[in-house]
Amino acid sequence: MKCEICKKKIEETFLKKILGTYVKDAKGKKHSVCPECQKKLTTKEELLKQLK
């Protein structure tokens, strides 16, 4: 799976869970975000701005 902000590959655990997070937009669609982008952009609003 890839980060939707920086397009880097997100690592997964052996149970296929991502080492990052998902962010839901206003329409309810889930977007995957890597830990590096999560550190740079700390709030949900900042993350959603970068997705557009």
Protein backbone atom coordinates (compact mmCIF):
# COMPACT_ATOMS: atom_id res chain seq x y z
CA MET A 1 0.00 0.00 0.00
CA LYS A 2 1.22 3.53 -0.73
CA CYS A 3 0.91 6.80 1.16
CA GLU A 4 -1.54 9.05 -0.62
CA ILE A 5 0.44 12.19 0.26
CA CYS A 6 4.08 11.33 -0.56
CA LYS A 7 3.44 8.17 -2.65
CA LYS A 8 6.02 6.10 -0.70
CA LYS A 9 5.33 2.45 0.11
CA ILE A 10 3.92 1.92 3.61
CA GLU A 11 5.36 -1.05 5.48
CA GLU A 12 3.02 -3.73 6.78
CA THR A 13 3.15 -6.06 9.77
CA PHE A 14 3.00 -9.82 9.32
CA LEU A 15 -0.78 -9.61 9.84
CA LYS A 16 -1.03 -7.17 6.87
CA LYS A 17 -1.76 -4.13 9.04
CA ILE A 18 -0.11 -0.91 7.86
CA LEU A 19 2.48 0.95 9.94
CA GLY A 20 0.66 4.23 9.50
CA THR A 21 -2.91 5.37 9.74
CA TYR A 22 -6.08 5.93 7.80
CA VAL A 23 -7.80 9.33 7.56
CA LYS A 24 -11.45 9.65 6.57
CA ASP A 25 -12.50 12.63 4.48
CA ALA A 26 -15.92 14.33 4.58
CA LYS A 27 -17.38 11.79 2.14
CA GLY A 28 -16.24 8.87 4.31
CA LYS A 29 -13.47 7.64 2.00
CA LYS A 30 -10.39 6.25 3.78
CA HIS A 31 -6.94 7.53 2.79
CA SER A 32 -3.74 5.82 3.93
CA VAL A 33 -0.96 7.95 5.42
CA CYS A 34 2.61 6.90 6.29
CA PRO A 35 4.20 7.64 9.69
CA GLU A 36 6.59 10.25 8.22
CA CYS A 37 3.74 12.34 6.81
CA GLN A 38 1.86 11.84 10.04
CA LYS A 39 4.80 13.37 11.98
CA LYS A 40 5.01 16.37 9.62
CA LEU A 41 1.27 17.05 9.48
CA THR A 42 -0.07 16.57 12.99
CA THR A 43 -3.76 17.41 12.62
CA LYS A 44 -6.45 15.75 10.55
CA GLU A 45 -7.21 19.04 8.79
CA GLU A 46 -3.59 19.43 7.64
CA LEU A 47 -3.54 15.86 6.33
CA LEU A 48 -6.78 16.35 4.38
CA LYS A 49 -5.46 19.63 2.87
CA GLN A 50 -2.42 17.80 1.47
CA LEU A 51 -4.61 15.09 -0.08
CA LYS A 52 -6.37 17.57 -2.37
